[in-house]
Amino acid sequence: MAKYSEEFKHSIMLKMMPPQNQSVSAIARETGLSEATLHVWRRQARAKGMAVPGGEQEVERWSTQDKFLIVMETALLSEVEMAEYCRGKGLYVEQVQAWRDACMQANGGVAQEASRLQKDLLEREREIKKLEQELRRKESALAETAALLVLRKKANAIWGDSEDA
């Protein structure tokens, strides 16, 4: 197995990053590296916090992970630095700001959904409890009716039908 230098790996990752955004398959054809190796390197780069779209030309189709990493990279930049960063990456400042807003609101939606699900769960638990009580009541009534029928049969067997008299 060939061991590649970190510099070489980094140069390959740069090809996958904006503004070049070369696809994994194109880089594989160009360099002779396997696509599997390139995917592993891309996954490792993402784990280190690099945004590596790997060939997706339409920025809006990038993975949420890549968008989040761009938001993280730009979080502390001034307006001028942000504009420069975006020009270098082939992005628009408005896109990054929209991604930042989406990231900031992501947890709010989750919290609201969790709250709604919790309320639904409590409501269902109450409904189940009510139905179980009703079932117990009906089972009790059914058992009582069955016992009365058995007693009637036994009484009829011992004393005979009261209808005959």
C-alpha atoms as a PDB file:
ATOM      1  CA  MET A   1       0.000   0.000   0.000  1.00  0.00           C
ATOM      2  CA  ALA A   2       1.434   3.324  -1.063  1.00  0.00           C
ATOM      3  CA  LYS A   3       1.942   5.966   1.602  1.00  0.00           C
ATOM      4  CA  TYR A   4       1.231   9.488   0.380  1.00  0.00           C
ATOM      5  CA  SER A   5       2.609  12.597   2.019  1.00  0.00           C
ATOM      6  CA  GLU A   6       0.284  14.963   3.871  1.00  0.00           C
ATOM      7  CA  GLU A   7       1.222  17.684   1.391  1.00  0.00           C
ATOM      8  CA  PHE A   8       0.099  15.506  -1.515  1.00  0.00           C
ATOM      9  CA  LYS A   9      -3.182  14.646   0.231  1.00  0.00           C
ATOM     10  CA  HIS A  10      -3.751  18.328   0.995  1.00  0.00           C
ATOM     11  CA  SER A  11      -3.146  19.269  -2.656  1.00  0.00           C
ATOM     12  CA  ILE A  12      -5.762  16.699  -3.689  1.00  0.00           C
ATOM     13  CA  MET A  13      -8.248  18.043  -1.106  1.00  0.00           C
ATOM     14  CA  LEU A  14      -7.715  21.559  -2.449  1.00  0.00           C
ATOM     15  CA  LYS A  15      -8.901  20.291  -5.840  1.00  0.00           C
ATOM     16  CA  MET A  16     -12.151  19.100  -4.205  1.00  0.00           C
ATOM     17  CA  MET A  17     -12.696  22.433  -2.444  1.00  0.00           C
ATOM     18  CA  PRO A  18     -14.065  25.657  -3.879  1.00  0.00           C
ATOM     19  CA  PRO A  19     -13.417  27.302  -6.224  1.00  0.00           C
ATOM     20  CA  GLN A  20     -12.159  24.256  -8.194  1.00  0.00           C
ATOM     21  CA  ASN A  21     -14.755  21.766  -6.886  1.00  0.00           C
ATOM     22  CA  GLN A  22     -13.390  18.916  -8.982  1.00  0.00           C
ATOM     23  CA  SER A  23     -15.303  15.669  -8.646  1.00  0.00           C
ATOM     24  CA  VAL A  24     -13.794  12.605  -7.021  1.00  0.00           C
ATOM     25  CA  SER A  25     -14.043  10.664 -10.294  1.00  0.00           C
ATOM     26  CA  ALA A  26     -12.293  13.432 -12.265  1.00  0.00           C
ATOM     27  CA  ILE A  27      -9.449  13.575  -9.735  1.00  0.00           C
ATOM     28  CA  ALA A  28      -9.193   9.774  -9.797  1.00  0.00           C
ATOM     29  CA  ARG A  29      -8.860   9.798 -13.590  1.00  0.00           C
ATOM     30  CA  GLU A  30      -6.342  12.632 -13.467  1.00  0.00           C
ATOM     31  CA  THR A  31      -4.114  11.201 -10.715  1.00  0.00           C
ATOM     32  CA  GLY A  32      -4.632   7.456 -11.066  1.00  0.00           C
ATOM     33  CA  LEU A  33      -5.763   7.200  -7.430  1.00  0.00           C
ATOM     34  CA  SER A  34      -8.755   5.009  -6.657  1.00  0.00           C
ATOM     35  CA  GLU A  35     -12.071   6.710  -5.925  1.00  0.00           C
ATOM     36  CA  ALA A  36     -12.277   4.753  -2.667  1.00  0.00           C
ATOM     37  CA  THR A  37      -8.994   6.287  -1.500  1.00  0.00           C
ATOM     38  CA  LEU A  38     -10.214   9.756  -2.417  1.00  0.00           C
ATOM     39  CA  HIS A  39     -13.484   9.208  -0.551  1.00  0.00           C
ATOM     40  CA  VAL A  40     -11.537   8.127   2.543  1.00  0.00           C
ATOM     41  CA  TRP A  41      -9.315  11.214   2.313  1.00  0.00           C
ATOM     42  CA  ARG A  42     -12.372  13.436   1.887  1.00  0.00           C
ATOM     43  CA  ARG A  43     -14.039  11.860   4.943  1.00  0.00           C
ATOM     44  CA  GLN A  44     -10.837  12.413   6.952  1.00  0.00           C
ATOM     45  CA  ALA A  45     -10.644  16.048   5.799  1.00  0.00           C
ATOM     46  CA  ARG A  46     -14.263  16.620   6.820  1.00  0.00           C
ATOM     47  CA  ALA A  47     -13.527  15.091  10.220  1.00  0.00           C
ATOM     48  CA  LYS A  48     -10.771  17.712  10.590  1.00  0.00           C
ATOM     49  CA  GLY A  49     -13.326  20.456   9.834  1.00  0.00           C
ATOM     50  CA  MET A  50     -12.596  21.120   6.154  1.00  0.00           C
ATOM     51  CA  ALA A  51     -15.459  21.797   3.745  1.00  0.00           C
ATOM     52  CA  VAL A  52     -14.849  19.382   0.874  1.00  0.00           C
ATOM     53  CA  PRO A  53     -17.842  19.239  -1.488  1.00  0.00           C
ATOM     54  CA  GLY A  54     -15.911  17.004  -3.884  1.00  0.00           C
ATOM     55  CA  GLY A  55     -17.280  18.016  -7.239  1.00  0.00           C
ATOM     56  CA  GLU A  56     -20.756  19.313  -6.472  1.00  0.00           C
ATOM     57  CA  GLN A  57     -20.864  22.388  -8.685  1.00  0.00           C
ATOM     58  CA  GLU A  58     -24.220  23.688  -7.488  1.00  0.00           C
ATOM     59  CA  VAL A  59     -23.500  25.215  -4.095  1.00  0.00           C
ATOM     60  CA  GLU A  60     -27.075  24.683  -2.892  1.00  0.00           C
ATOM     61  CA  ARG A  61     -26.667  20.940  -3.417  1.00  0.00           C
ATOM     62  CA  TRP A  62     -23.653  20.700  -1.125  1.00  0.00           C
ATOM     63  CA  SER A  63     -24.106  18.505   1.913  1.00  0.00           C
ATOM     64  CA  THR A  64     -25.322  20.157   5.096  1.00  0.00           C
ATOM     65  CA  GLN A  65     -22.022  19.131   6.667  1.00  0.00           C
ATOM     66  CA  ASP A  66     -20.024  21.125   4.101  1.00  0.00           C
ATOM     67  CA  LYS A  67     -22.296  24.149   4.515  1.00  0.00           C
ATOM     68  CA  PHE A  68     -21.938  23.930   8.293  1.00  0.00           C
ATOM     69  CA  LEU A  69     -18.145  23.753   7.985  1.00  0.00           C
ATOM     70  CA  ILE A  70     -18.158  26.889   5.795  1.00  0.00           C
ATOM     71  CA  VAL A  71     -20.303  28.633   8.439  1.00  0.00           C
ATOM     72  CA  MET A  72     -17.809  27.586  11.116  1.00  0.00           C
ATOM     73  CA  GLU A  73     -14.835  28.787   9.040  1.00  0.00           C
ATOM     74  CA  THR A  74     -16.434  32.186   8.537  1.00  0.00           C
ATOM     75  CA  ALA A  75     -17.978  32.674  11.977  1.00  0.00           C
ATOM     76  CA  LEU A  76     -15.375  35.158  13.235  1.00  0.00           C
ATOM     77  CA  LEU A  77     -14.599  36.951   9.969  1.00  0.00           C
ATOM     78  CA  SER A  78     -15.287  40.646   9.485  1.00  0.00           C
ATOM     79  CA  GLU A  79     -17.385  41.791   6.516  1.00  0.00           C
ATOM     80  CA  VAL A  80     -14.272  42.494   4.457  1.00  0.00           C
ATOM     81  CA  GLU A  81     -12.683  39.160   5.356  1.00  0.00           C
ATOM     82  CA  MET A  82     -15.964  37.390   4.625  1.00  0.00           C
ATOM     83  CA  ALA A  83     -16.230  38.986   1.195  1.00  0.00           C
ATOM     84  CA  GLU A  84     -12.630  38.026   0.417  1.00  0.00           C
ATOM     85  CA  TYR A  85     -13.198  34.473   1.653  1.00  0.00           C
ATOM     86  CA  CYS A  86     -16.338  34.109  -0.464  1.00  0.00           C
ATOM     87  CA  ARG A  87     -14.614  35.447  -3.589  1.00  0.00           C
ATOM     88  CA  GLY A  88     -11.807  32.941  -3.080  1.00  0.00           C
ATOM     89  CA  LYS A  89     -14.248  30.058  -2.675  1.00  0.00           C
ATOM     90  CA  GLY A  90     -16.643  31.092  -5.428  1.00  0.00           C
ATOM     91  CA  LEU A  91     -19.482  31.761  -2.991  1.00  0.00           C
ATOM     92  CA  TYR A  92     -21.791  34.649  -2.255  1.00  0.00           C
ATOM     93  CA  VAL A  93     -21.826  36.304   1.164  1.00  0.00           C
ATOM     94  CA  GLU A  94     -25.630  36.014   1.152  1.00  0.00           C
ATOM     95  CA  GLN A  95     -25.388  32.229   0.737  1.00  0.00           C
ATOM     96  CA  VAL A  96     -23.119  31.873   3.743  1.00  0.00           C
ATOM     97  CA  GLN A  97     -25.355  34.181   5.787  1.00  0.00           C
ATOM     98  CA  ALA A  98     -28.405  32.095   4.830  1.00  0.00           C
ATOM     99  CA  TRP A  99     -26.560  28.916   5.850  1.00  0.00           C
ATOM    100  CA  ARG A 100     -25.611  30.568   9.157  1.00  0.00           C
ATOM    101  CA  ASP A 101     -29.260  31.509   9.784  1.00  0.00           C
ATOM    102  CA  ALA A 102     -30.351  27.954   8.979  1.00  0.00           C
ATOM    103  CA  CYS A 103     -27.765  26.558  11.398  1.00  0.00           C
ATOM    104  CA  MET A 104     -28.874  28.922  14.147  1.00  0.00           C
ATOM    105  CA  GLN A 105     -32.526  28.001  13.702  1.00  0.00           C
ATOM    106  CA  ALA A 106     -31.942  24.274  13.297  1.00  0.00           C
ATOM    107  CA  ASN A 107     -32.134  23.533  17.009  1.00  0.00           C
ATOM    108  CA  GLY A 108     -35.208  25.701  17.504  1.00  0.00           C
ATOM    109  CA  GLY A 109     -37.184  23.532  15.115  1.00  0.00           C
ATOM    110  CA  VAL A 110     -35.949  20.413  16.835  1.00  0.00           C
ATOM    111  CA  ALA A 111     -36.971  21.741  20.248  1.00  0.00           C
ATOM    112  CA  GLN A 112     -40.440  22.682  19.010  1.00  0.00           C
ATOM    113  CA  GLU A 113     -40.855  19.286  17.384  1.00  0.00           C
ATOM    114  CA  ALA A 114     -39.704  17.535  20.571  1.00  0.00           C
ATOM    115  CA  SER A 115     -42.193  19.567  22.612  1.00  0.00           C
ATOM    116  CA  ARG A 116     -45.020  18.729  20.218  1.00  0.00           C
ATOM    117  CA  LEU A 117     -44.086  15.039  20.277  1.00  0.00           C
ATOM    118  CA  GLN A 118     -43.987  15.085  24.086  1.00  0.00           C
ATOM    119  CA  LYS A 119     -47.501  16.575  24.197  1.00  0.00           C
ATOM    120  CA  ASP A 120     -48.730  13.962  21.716  1.00  0.00           C
ATOM    121  CA  LEU A 121     -47.168  11.222  23.806  1.00  0.00           C
ATOM    122  CA  LEU A 122     -48.875  12.442  27.001  1.00  0.00           C
ATOM    123  CA  GLU A 123     -52.208  12.692  25.184  1.00  0.00           C
ATOM    124  CA  ARG A 124     -51.852   9.160  23.829  1.00  0.00           C
ATOM    125  CA  GLU A 125     -50.871   7.834  27.266  1.00  0.00           C
ATOM    126  CA  ARG A 126     -54.030   9.422  28.756  1.00  0.00           C
ATOM    127  CA  GLU A 127     -56.131   7.923  25.967  1.00  0.00           C
ATOM    128  CA  ILE A 128     -54.588   4.478  26.519  1.00  0.00           C
ATOM    129  CA  LYS A 129     -55.216   4.718  30.274  1.00  0.00           C
ATOM    130  CA  LYS A 130     -58.856   5.672  29.658  1.00  0.00           C
ATOM    131  CA  LEU A 131     -59.325   2.799  27.185  1.00  0.00           C
ATOM    132  CA  GLU A 132     -57.712   0.342  29.614  1.00  0.00           C
ATOM    133  CA  GLN A 133     -60.126   1.447  32.362  1.00  0.00           C
ATOM    134  CA  GLU A 134     -63.073   1.010  30.024  1.00  0.00           C
ATOM    135  CA  LEU A 135     -61.786  -2.416  28.993  1.00  0.00           C
ATOM    136  CA  ARG A 136     -61.448  -3.494  32.649  1.00  0.00           C
ATOM    137  CA  ARG A 137     -65.021  -2.298  33.352  1.00  0.00           C
ATOM    138  CA  LYS A 138     -66.408  -4.198  30.366  1.00  0.00           C
ATOM    139  CA  GLU A 139     -64.424  -7.329  31.248  1.00  0.00           C
ATOM    140  CA  SER A 140     -65.811  -7.134  34.780  1.00  0.00           C
ATOM    141  CA  ALA A 141     -69.370  -6.748  33.483  1.00  0.00           C
ATOM    142  CA  LEU A 142     -68.839  -9.658  31.083  1.00  0.00           C
ATOM    143  CA  ALA A 143     -67.468 -11.862  33.886  1.00  0.00           C
ATOM    144  CA  GLU A 144     -70.458 -10.963  36.094  1.00  0.00           C
ATOM    145  CA  THR A 145     -72.895 -11.783  33.283  1.00  0.00           C
ATOM    146  CA  ALA A 146     -71.146 -15.100  32.628  1.00  0.00           C
ATOM    147  CA  ALA A 147     -71.303 -15.957  36.356  1.00  0.00           C
ATOM    148  CA  LEU A 148     -75.039 -15.160  36.443  1.00  0.00           C
ATOM    149  CA  LEU A 149     -75.660 -17.387  33.425  1.00  0.00           C
ATOM    150  CA  VAL A 150     -73.758 -20.256  35.053  1.00  0.00           C
ATOM    151  CA  LEU A 151     -75.760 -19.790  38.280  1.00  0.00           C
ATOM    152  CA  ARG A 152     -79.024 -19.728  36.346  1.00  0.00           C
ATOM    153  CA  LYS A 153     -78.080 -22.973  34.589  1.00  0.00           C
ATOM    154  CA  LYS A 154     -77.222 -24.628  37.913  1.00  0.00           C
ATOM    155  CA  ALA A 155     -80.415 -23.327  39.527  1.00  0.00           C
ATOM    156  CA  ASN A 156     -82.448 -24.642  36.616  1.00  0.00           C
ATOM    157  CA  ALA A 157     -80.689 -27.986  36.831  1.00  0.00           C
ATOM    158  CA  ILE A 158     -81.401 -28.256  40.590  1.00  0.00           C
ATOM    159  CA  TRP A 159     -84.953 -26.847  40.837  1.00  0.00           C
ATOM    160  CA  GLY A 160     -86.075 -27.138  37.271  1.00  0.00           C
ATOM    161  CA  ASP A 161     -87.271 -24.448  34.952  1.00  0.00           C
ATOM    162  CA  SER A 162     -89.403 -21.848  36.641  1.00  0.00           C
ATOM    163  CA  GLU A 163     -91.174 -21.431  33.338  1.00  0.00           C
ATOM    164  CA  ASP A 164     -92.608 -24.969  33.558  1.00  0.00           C
ATOM    165  CA  ALA A 165     -94.548 -24.211  36.758  1.00  0.00           C
END
